[in-house]
Amino acid sequence: MAEAVKGGITGKIQNVIETRIVPPLNKIASNYWFSLAADAILYIVPFSMVSAIPSLWSFARNFLTFLPDITPITTFSFGLVGLFVVFAIPYNCMVKEDHRDRGLMAGFTSIGAYMMCMRPVTTDEGTLFNMNMFGAGGMFTAMVVGLICAAVFKAFSKKSFFSEDSLVPDFVKSWFDNIIAILVCLVVAWLVSFIAQVDIFTLVGFILSPVTGFAQSLPGVVIIALVMDVFYFFGVSGWVFTTVTLPITQGAMAENMAAAAAGLAIPNINAYGLSRYYMIGGEGNTLPLAIMMLFSKSRKNKTLGRATIVPSLFNINEPLIFSTVVNNPYMFVPMVLQAIILPANAFLWIALGWASPHTVMFAMNNLPNAVSAFFLSNGDWRNALLVVVNLVLATIIWYPFWKAYDRHQAKVELDAAGGKSEVVAA
């Protein structure tokens, strides 16, 4: 039966993905410049996680008012991720080019160019920068500036004013060899921002507005989740897409946080953490599957259930996915259904005002989803309830397909043991 199913629609979809989609996707993911940006995005994840501590602390202050305000920890961790990204991209480029000695200078230059693009305002009291540009709200611009500076330093990395047998100390060589690249980066930033009067942040935002706008729509939320989960079914991790999705959701969260602080309407539904409602137990909403496998007729499935239930409780489901779901024809339909129904349900609940949009940066993603949702929404219990509702929906979706698969696997095990092939229906 499994072979017949696999030869049907899932087999055709798998063939299309493996032959026509995965190769170009792998080509993009392995692209030199894309990998620089992707690595930089992964570098900043700990700073997002650190911001969860002030969030918990602020919640405690509602009851223990004598506690000091530690929100500056968020301001100077998550609030500076754009600055970290713009440094990391050219630095990593120089490391890859085996010019680690130029890496720091490339990163410092990129920070200078990035800050110049902010077009600070000079007043009698000093020079004023918009702090929002340093954080997630400026991450796409940081990636653009960082990549340009990386390209400039890469172009000049093989050039030197000195011969290999020069007696000039290496650190002095590095000073002079970096001068042209530094000047090119800063002069370009100056010409664009101060002479041409181009607002790079606005320009990048305008160019990407079709993408970021679509991501804030119901179809956009569903399609993003669906694409990630379908690829995950065929063994391609969702981390491949974080270079695009994380700047979108973190940028949306930065806007939400600024609006909440100003007492304005919250603009974005698809802000950081919306996935807490449709990645319950990990990408693919597999926590119900892990629980059901504990009660399997199949010894293999029951063993896997015992091995994967604890990681699943903390949203770590790679062991479950790659042992049970990937390329399993029984699991394709529920993988698709939950990727459509759960994100749509979460979006509609928030859009209808049945739950709150996220306004608190809480990135402890390995906590139970209901806990994360509660803090992301600034303590709205309805968001925790939404997680429970989606957990029930995910259970309903997974159950019949898991039951069919478990019967099949139990039959296979009986046949292999030389026993009866008949499995008693539950």
Protein backbone atom coordinates (compact mmCIF):
# COMPACT_ATOMS: atom_id res chain seq x y z
CA MET A 1 0.00 0.00 0.00
CA ALA A 2 2.78 2.42 0.93
CA GLU A 3 4.45 1.90 -2.43
CA ALA A 4 1.20 2.57 -4.23
CA VAL A 5 0.60 5.75 -2.31
CA LYS A 6 4.16 6.85 -2.81
CA GLY A 7 3.72 6.39 -6.52
CA GLY A 8 0.71 8.69 -6.48
CA ILE A 9 0.48 12.39 -5.78
CA THR A 10 3.25 12.47 -3.17
CA GLY A 11 5.60 10.70 -5.55
CA LYS A 12 4.87 13.23 -8.28
CA ILE A 13 5.30 16.17 -5.91
CA GLN A 14 8.50 14.68 -4.56
CA ASN A 15 9.84 14.25 -8.08
CA VAL A 16 9.08 17.87 -8.97
CA ILE A 17 10.65 19.16 -5.75
CA GLU A 18 13.73 16.95 -5.98
CA THR A 19 14.42 17.57 -9.68
CA ARG A 20 13.20 21.11 -10.30
CA ILE A 21 13.04 23.00 -7.00
CA VAL A 22 15.62 21.59 -4.61
CA PRO A 23 18.61 21.94 -7.02
CA PRO A 24 18.12 25.69 -7.61
CA LEU A 25 17.27 26.16 -3.91
CA ASN A 26 20.49 24.40 -2.93
CA LYS A 27 22.33 26.50 -5.48
CA ILE A 28 20.96 29.68 -3.87
CA ALA A 29 21.69 28.46 -0.34
CA SER A 30 25.27 27.61 -1.30
CA ASN A 31 25.77 30.87 -3.20
CA TYR A 32 28.74 32.79 -1.82
CA TRP A 33 26.89 36.02 -1.10
CA PHE A 34 23.70 34.38 0.15
CA SER A 35 25.71 32.28 2.58
CA LEU A 36 27.37 35.40 3.99
CA ALA A 37 23.96 36.91 4.79
CA ALA A 38 22.62 33.59 6.09
CA ASP A 39 25.56 33.13 8.46
CA ALA A 40 25.12 36.68 9.77
CA ILE A 41 21.43 36.03 10.49
CA LEU A 42 22.32 32.91 12.47
CA TYR A 43 24.96 34.83 14.44
CA ILE A 44 22.35 37.21 15.88
CA VAL A 45 19.97 34.52 17.19
CA PRO A 46 21.50 34.55 20.71
CA PHE A 47 20.84 38.31 20.98
CA SER A 48 17.18 37.69 20.23
CA MET A 49 17.11 35.01 22.91
CA VAL A 50 18.75 37.28 25.48
CA SER A 51 15.91 39.77 25.04
CA ALA A 52 13.51 37.22 26.55
CA ILE A 53 15.05 37.77 29.99
CA PRO A 54 13.98 41.43 30.26
CA SER A 55 10.56 40.38 28.99
CA LEU A 56 10.15 37.96 31.89
CA TRP A 57 11.56 40.56 34.25
CA SER A 58 9.11 43.21 33.03
CA PHE A 59 6.23 40.83 33.59
CA ALA A 60 7.43 40.22 37.14
CA ARG A 61 7.58 43.99 37.72
CA ASN A 62 3.79 44.12 37.32
CA PHE A 63 3.63 42.39 40.70
CA LEU A 64 7.00 43.30 42.24
CA THR A 65 7.13 47.02 41.54
CA PHE A 66 10.36 47.50 43.51
CA LEU A 67 12.36 45.65 40.83
CA PRO A 68 14.51 47.90 38.61
CA ASP A 69 13.75 48.41 34.93
CA ILE A 70 16.17 46.36 32.80
CA THR A 71 14.65 47.08 29.37
CA PRO A 72 17.97 48.66 28.22
CA ILE A 73 19.23 45.07 27.98
CA THR A 74 16.71 44.53 25.17
CA THR A 75 17.52 47.91 23.62
CA PHE A 76 21.21 47.07 23.43
CA SER A 77 20.88 43.41 22.38
CA PHE A 78 17.90 42.83 20.09
CA GLY A 79 17.81 46.57 19.46
CA LEU A 80 21.23 46.47 17.77
CA VAL A 81 20.95 43.35 15.61
CA GLY A 82 21.12 45.38 12.40
CA LEU A 83 24.46 46.78 13.55
CA PHE A 84 25.71 43.28 14.32
CA VAL A 85 24.63 41.96 10.91
CA VAL A 86 26.32 44.78 9.00
CA PHE A 87 29.58 43.97 10.81
CA ALA A 88 29.32 40.19 10.50
CA ILE A 89 28.83 40.02 6.71
CA PRO A 90 32.10 41.66 5.53
CA TYR A 91 34.02 40.19 8.47
CA ASN A 92 32.89 36.69 7.51
CA CYS A 93 33.74 37.45 3.88
CA MET A 94 37.34 38.21 4.77
CA VAL A 95 37.57 35.06 6.90
CA LYS A 96 36.33 32.99 3.96
CA GLU A 97 38.87 34.67 1.70
CA ASP A 98 41.62 33.69 4.16
CA HIS A 99 42.26 37.35 5.00
CA ARG A 100 41.29 37.26 8.66
CA ASP A 101 43.70 40.15 9.28
CA ARG A 102 41.39 42.38 7.22
CA GLY A 103 38.18 41.06 8.75
CA LEU A 104 37.88 43.48 11.65
CA MET A 105 38.66 46.47 9.46
CA ALA A 106 36.03 45.34 6.94
CA GLY A 107 33.47 45.02 9.70
CA PHE A 108 34.32 48.40 11.25
CA THR A 109 34.12 50.08 7.84
CA SER A 110 30.75 48.51 7.20
CA ILE A 111 29.44 49.90 10.49
CA GLY A 112 30.66 53.36 9.49
CA ALA A 113 28.98 53.15 6.08
CA TYR A 114 25.77 51.84 7.66
CA MET A 115 25.62 54.69 10.17
CA MET A 116 26.30 57.19 7.41
CA CYS A 117 23.30 55.80 5.51
CA MET A 118 21.16 56.61 8.54
CA ARG A 119 21.60 60.29 7.68
CA PRO A 120 21.82 61.49 11.28
CA VAL A 121 20.53 64.95 12.16
CA THR A 122 22.95 67.41 13.72
CA THR A 123 21.51 69.80 16.30
CA ASP A 124 22.96 72.21 18.83
CA GLU A 125 22.89 69.40 21.37
CA GLY A 126 24.70 66.86 19.19
CA THR A 127 24.13 64.33 16.43
CA LEU A 128 20.89 62.37 16.60
CA PHE A 129 20.42 58.81 15.29
CA ASN A 130 17.15 56.92 15.04
CA MET A 131 17.66 53.90 17.31
CA ASN A 132 15.10 51.88 15.33
CA MET A 133 17.54 51.81 12.41
CA PHE A 134 20.14 49.98 14.49
CA GLY A 135 17.83 47.04 15.21
CA ALA A 136 15.65 44.58 13.35
CA GLY A 137 13.85 47.40 11.53
CA GLY A 138 17.04 48.08 9.59
CA MET A 139 18.15 44.50 9.07
CA PHE A 140 17.49 44.33 5.32
CA THR A 141 19.40 47.57 4.82
CA ALA A 142 22.19 46.19 7.00
CA MET A 143 22.38 43.15 4.74
CA VAL A 144 22.59 45.34 1.62
CA VAL A 145 25.29 47.63 3.05
CA GLY A 146 27.19 44.68 4.50
CA LEU A 147 27.21 42.83 1.19
CA ILE A 148 28.39 45.92 -0.71
CA CYS A 149 31.24 46.48 1.74
CA ALA A 150 32.09 42.77 1.59
CA ALA A 151 32.29 42.97 -2.21
CA VAL A 152 34.59 45.99 -2.04
CA PHE A 153 36.95 44.41 0.49
CA LYS A 154 36.92 41.12 -1.44
CA ALA A 155 37.90 42.97 -4.62
CA PHE A 156 40.87 44.61 -2.91
CA SER A 157 41.84 41.65 -0.74
CA LYS A 158 44.31 40.29 -3.27
CA LYS A 159 46.02 43.64 -3.76
CA SER A 160 48.86 44.98 -1.62
CA PHE A 161 51.23 47.94 -1.63
CA PHE A 162 54.00 45.68 -0.40
CA SER A 163 55.82 42.65 -1.76
CA GLU A 164 55.78 39.35 0.08
CA ASP A 165 59.42 39.74 1.15
CA SER A 166 58.89 43.29 2.49
CA LEU A 167 60.37 43.98 5.92
CA VAL A 168 57.40 46.13 6.91
CA PRO A 169 55.51 44.58 9.87
CA ASP A 170 52.30 42.76 8.95
CA PHE A 171 50.08 45.04 11.00
CA VAL A 172 51.47 48.08 9.17
CA LYS A 173 50.88 46.36 5.83
CA SER A 174 47.28 45.75 6.89
CA TRP A 175 46.82 49.44 7.69
CA PHE A 176 47.85 50.60 4.25
CA ASP A 177 46.29 47.76 2.28
CA ASN A 178 42.89 48.52 3.80
CA ILE A 179 42.92 52.26 3.05
CA ILE A 180 41.50 52.08 -0.49
CA ALA A 181 38.71 49.66 0.45
CA ILE A 182 37.77 51.83 3.45
CA LEU A 183 37.69 54.96 1.32
CA VAL A 184 35.61 53.35 -1.41
CA CYS A 185 32.97 52.11 1.05
CA LEU A 186 32.69 55.39 2.93
CA VAL A 187 32.79 57.60 -0.16
CA VAL A 188 30.01 55.58 -1.81
CA ALA A 189 27.89 55.85 1.33
CA TRP A 190 28.58 59.60 1.49
CA LEU A 191 27.74 60.19 -2.18
CA VAL A 192 24.48 58.25 -1.99
CA SER A 193 23.27 59.53 1.39
CA PHE A 194 24.54 63.11 1.55
CA ILE A 195 25.17 64.22 -2.04
CA ALA A 196 22.37 62.36 -3.83
CA GLN A 197 20.17 62.63 -0.70
CA VAL A 198 18.93 59.05 -1.10
CA ASP A 199 17.37 57.48 2.00
CA ILE A 200 18.74 53.95 1.72
CA PHE A 201 16.46 52.63 4.45
CA THR A 202 13.35 53.94 2.69
CA LEU A 203 14.59 52.74 -0.71
CA VAL A 204 15.30 49.20 0.51
CA GLY A 205 11.94 49.14 2.31
CA PHE A 206 10.17 50.27 -0.87
CA ILE A 207 11.89 47.64 -3.03
CA LEU A 208 10.99 44.89 -0.56
CA SER A 209 7.49 46.20 0.21
CA PRO A 210 5.75 43.67 -2.07
CA VAL A 211 7.43 40.84 -0.14
CA THR A 212 7.00 42.30 3.35
CA GLY A 213 3.44 43.39 2.57
CA PHE A 214 2.49 39.95 1.28
CA ALA A 215 4.00 38.38 4.40
CA GLN A 216 1.51 40.39 6.50
CA SER A 217 -1.50 39.01 4.64
CA LEU A 218 -3.46 35.82 5.33
CA PRO A 219 -2.35 34.18 2.05
CA GLY A 220 1.23 35.24 2.74
CA VAL A 221 1.30 33.68 6.22
CA VAL A 222 -0.22 30.44 4.91
CA ILE A 223 2.02 30.16 1.86
CA ILE A 224 5.19 30.78 3.89
CA ALA A 225 4.23 28.04 6.36
CA LEU A 226 3.12 25.69 3.57
CA VAL A 227 6.32 26.07 1.55
CA MET A 228 8.51 25.53 4.61
CA ASP A 229 6.58 22.45 5.75
CA VAL A 230 6.42 20.83 2.31
CA PHE A 231 10.16 21.20 1.95
CA TYR A 232 10.59 19.87 5.48
CA PHE A 233 8.56 16.81 4.51
CA PHE A 234 11.14 16.11 1.82
CA GLY A 235 14.04 16.66 4.22
CA VAL A 236 14.90 20.32 3.60
CA SER A 237 15.03 22.14 6.94
CA GLY A 238 13.15 25.39 7.43
CA TRP A 239 16.43 27.04 8.42
CA VAL A 240 17.07 27.49 4.70
CA PHE A 241 14.37 30.18 4.63
CA THR A 242 15.36 32.13 7.76
CA THR A 243 17.55 34.54 5.81
CA VAL A 244 14.30 35.94 4.38
CA THR A 245 11.70 35.13 7.04
CA LEU A 246 13.60 36.23 10.15
CA PRO A 247 14.30 39.80 8.98
CA ILE A 248 10.62 40.12 8.02
CA THR A 249 9.22 38.91 11.33
CA GLN A 250 11.82 40.65 13.49
CA GLY A 251 11.33 43.87 11.55
CA ALA A 252 7.58 43.57 12.07
CA MET A 253 8.15 42.97 15.77
CA ALA A 254 10.32 46.10 15.99
CA GLU A 255 7.47 48.11 14.44
CA ASN A 256 4.96 46.56 16.85
CA MET A 257 7.14 47.32 19.85
CA ALA A 258 7.56 50.95 18.76
CA ALA A 259 3.81 51.31 18.21
CA ALA A 260 3.02 49.78 21.60
CA ALA A 261 5.47 52.14 23.33
CA ALA A 262 3.83 55.11 21.60
CA GLY A 263 0.32 53.93 22.44
CA LEU A 264 -0.58 53.44 18.78
CA ALA A 265 -2.44 50.64 17.01
CA ILE A 266 -0.28 47.55 16.46
CA PRO A 267 0.41 47.32 12.71
CA ASN A 268 1.60 43.74 12.11
CA ILE A 269 0.08 40.32 12.71
CA ASN A 270 2.98 38.32 11.29
CA ALA A 271 5.51 39.54 13.83
CA TYR A 272 8.21 37.45 15.46
CA GLY A 273 6.74 34.42 17.22
CA LEU A 274 3.59 33.92 15.15
CA SER A 275 5.03 30.50 14.38
CA ARG A 276 4.41 29.56 18.04
CA TYR A 277 0.84 28.85 16.93
CA TYR A 278 1.75 26.61 14.00
CA MET A 279 5.03 25.03 15.06
CA ILE A 280 3.78 23.25 18.17
CA GLY A 281 6.43 20.68 18.99
CA GLY A 282 8.52 22.02 16.14
CA GLU A 283 7.97 22.82 12.48
CA GLY A 284 5.03 20.77 11.23
CA ASN A 285 3.07 20.82 14.53
CA THR A 286 4.32 17.34 15.40
CA LEU A 287 3.75 17.36 19.17
CA PRO A 288 0.40 15.50 18.78
CA LEU A 289 2.14 12.93 16.59
CA ALA A 290 4.84 12.37 19.21
CA ILE A 291 2.18 11.86 21.89
CA MET A 292 0.11 9.48 19.76
CA MET A 293 3.15 7.39 18.92
CA LEU A 294 3.47 6.52 22.62
CA PHE A 295 0.28 4.47 22.16
CA SER A 296 1.25 2.79 18.90
CA LYS A 297 0.56 -0.86 18.09
CA SER A 298 3.86 -0.86 16.19
CA ARG A 299 6.84 -1.48 18.44
CA LYS A 300 9.00 0.68 16.19
CA ASN A 301 6.60 3.61 16.42
CA LYS A 302 6.18 3.22 20.17
CA THR A 303 9.95 3.20 20.65
CA LEU A 304 10.31 6.30 18.49
CA GLY A 305 7.53 7.96 20.46
CA ARG A 306 9.37 7.36 23.72
CA ALA A 307 12.61 8.64 22.21
CA THR A 308 11.14 11.81 20.71
CA ILE A 309 8.46 12.95 23.17
CA VAL A 310 10.78 14.89 25.47
CA PRO A 311 12.56 16.83 22.67
CA SER A 312 9.15 17.49 21.09
CA LEU A 313 7.92 19.13 24.29
CA PHE A 314 10.70 21.66 23.80
CA ASN A 315 10.06 22.16 20.06
CA ILE A 316 12.95 19.97 18.92
CA ASN A 317 11.45 17.59 16.39
CA GLU A 318 14.26 16.71 13.97
CA PRO A 319 14.52 13.17 15.42
CA LEU A 320 10.78 12.64 14.90
CA ILE A 321 10.65 14.27 11.48
CA PHE A 322 13.56 12.36 9.98
CA SER A 323 12.60 9.03 11.54
CA THR A 324 8.86 9.09 10.84
CA VAL A 325 7.66 11.93 8.62
CA VAL A 326 10.21 12.62 5.87
CA ASN A 327 9.16 10.94 2.61
CA ASN A 328 6.48 8.92 4.43
CA PRO A 329 3.43 8.96 2.10
CA TYR A 330 1.07 8.52 5.05
CA MET A 331 2.29 11.81 6.51
CA PHE A 332 2.17 14.08 3.47
CA VAL A 333 -1.51 15.04 3.62
CA PRO A 334 -1.53 15.96 7.35
CA MET A 335 1.73 17.87 6.86
CA VAL A 336 -0.01 19.96 4.18
CA LEU A 337 -3.32 20.34 6.03
CA GLN A 338 -1.81 21.59 9.29
CA ALA A 339 0.42 24.01 7.36
CA ILE A 340 -2.72 25.60 5.89
CA ILE A 341 -5.28 25.38 8.69
CA LEU A 342 -3.21 26.32 11.75
CA PRO A 343 -1.49 29.47 10.38
CA ALA A 344 -4.80 30.63 8.93
CA ASN A 345 -6.58 30.07 12.24
CA ALA A 346 -3.87 31.96 14.16
CA PHE A 347 -3.95 34.88 11.71
CA LEU A 348 -7.75 35.14 11.87
CA TRP A 349 -7.89 34.97 15.68
CA ILE A 350 -5.51 37.91 15.94
CA ALA A 351 -7.11 39.83 13.06
CA LEU A 352 -10.54 39.46 14.70
CA GLY A 353 -9.23 40.63 18.05
CA TRP A 354 -9.67 37.25 19.75
CA ALA A 355 -5.97 37.32 20.62
CA SER A 356 -3.31 40.03 20.75
CA PRO A 357 -0.60 40.78 18.19
CA HIS A 358 2.92 40.34 19.50
CA THR A 359 4.57 43.34 21.11
CA VAL A 360 7.22 41.78 23.38
CA MET A 361 10.43 40.22 22.08
CA PHE A 362 10.48 36.80 23.73
CA ALA A 363 12.73 34.39 21.85
CA MET A 364 12.94 31.40 24.21
CA ASN A 365 11.53 29.17 21.50
CA ASN A 366 12.28 25.94 23.33
CA LEU A 367 9.77 26.71 26.04
CA PRO A 368 6.25 25.27 25.63
CA ASN A 369 4.46 27.30 22.96
CA ALA A 370 1.64 28.48 25.23
CA VAL A 371 4.23 30.05 27.56
CA SER A 372 5.97 31.82 24.66
CA ALA A 373 2.65 33.04 23.24
CA PHE A 374 1.65 34.44 26.63
CA PHE A 375 4.79 36.56 26.95
CA LEU A 376 5.01 37.53 23.26
CA SER A 377 1.53 39.05 23.57
CA ASN A 378 2.46 40.96 26.73
CA GLY A 379 0.63 38.54 29.00
CA ASP A 380 -2.60 37.90 27.09
CA TRP A 381 -4.00 34.52 28.20
CA ARG A 382 -6.06 34.35 24.98
CA ASN A 383 -2.86 33.80 23.02
CA ALA A 384 -2.02 30.82 25.22
CA LEU A 385 -5.56 29.57 24.58
CA LEU A 386 -4.98 29.93 20.84
CA VAL A 387 -2.00 27.57 21.14
CA VAL A 388 -4.26 25.03 22.88
CA VAL A 389 -6.93 25.40 20.18
CA ASN A 390 -4.37 24.85 17.42
CA LEU A 391 -2.94 21.89 19.33
CA VAL A 392 -6.41 20.31 19.29
CA LEU A 393 -6.77 21.04 15.56
CA ALA A 394 -3.35 19.54 14.89
CA THR A 395 -4.33 16.41 16.84
CA ILE A 396 -7.51 16.02 14.80
CA ILE A 397 -5.53 16.42 11.58
CA TRP A 398 -2.73 13.99 12.48
CA TYR A 399 -4.81 11.25 14.15
CA PRO A 400 -6.41 9.37 11.21
CA PHE A 401 -3.21 9.39 9.18
CA TRP A 402 -1.07 8.29 12.12
CA LYS A 403 -3.63 5.51 12.82
CA ALA A 404 -3.43 4.25 9.24
CA TYR A 405 0.36 4.37 9.27
CA ASP A 406 0.58 2.62 12.64
CA ARG A 407 -1.63 -0.23 11.40
CA HIS A 408 0.52 -0.58 8.30
CA GLN A 409 3.76 -0.58 10.32
CA ALA A 410 2.38 -3.09 12.81
CA LYS A 411 1.39 -5.36 9.91
CA VAL A 412 4.89 -5.08 8.45
CA GLU A 413 6.39 -6.05 11.79
CA LEU A 414 4.06 -9.05 12.14
CA ASP A 415 4.87 -10.22 8.63
CA ALA A 416 8.57 -9.86 9.28
CA ALA A 417 8.21 -11.91 12.46
CA GLY A 418 6.33 -14.62 10.58
CA GLY A 419 3.11 -13.89 12.47
CA LYS A 420 -0.34 -13.17 11.22
CA SER A 421 -0.61 -10.22 8.91
CA GLU A 422 -4.01 -9.30 10.14
CA VAL A 423 -4.15 -6.30 12.44
CA VAL A 424 -7.16 -5.89 14.63
CA ALA A 425 -8.86 -2.57 14.01
CA ALA A 426 -9.00 -0.25 16.99
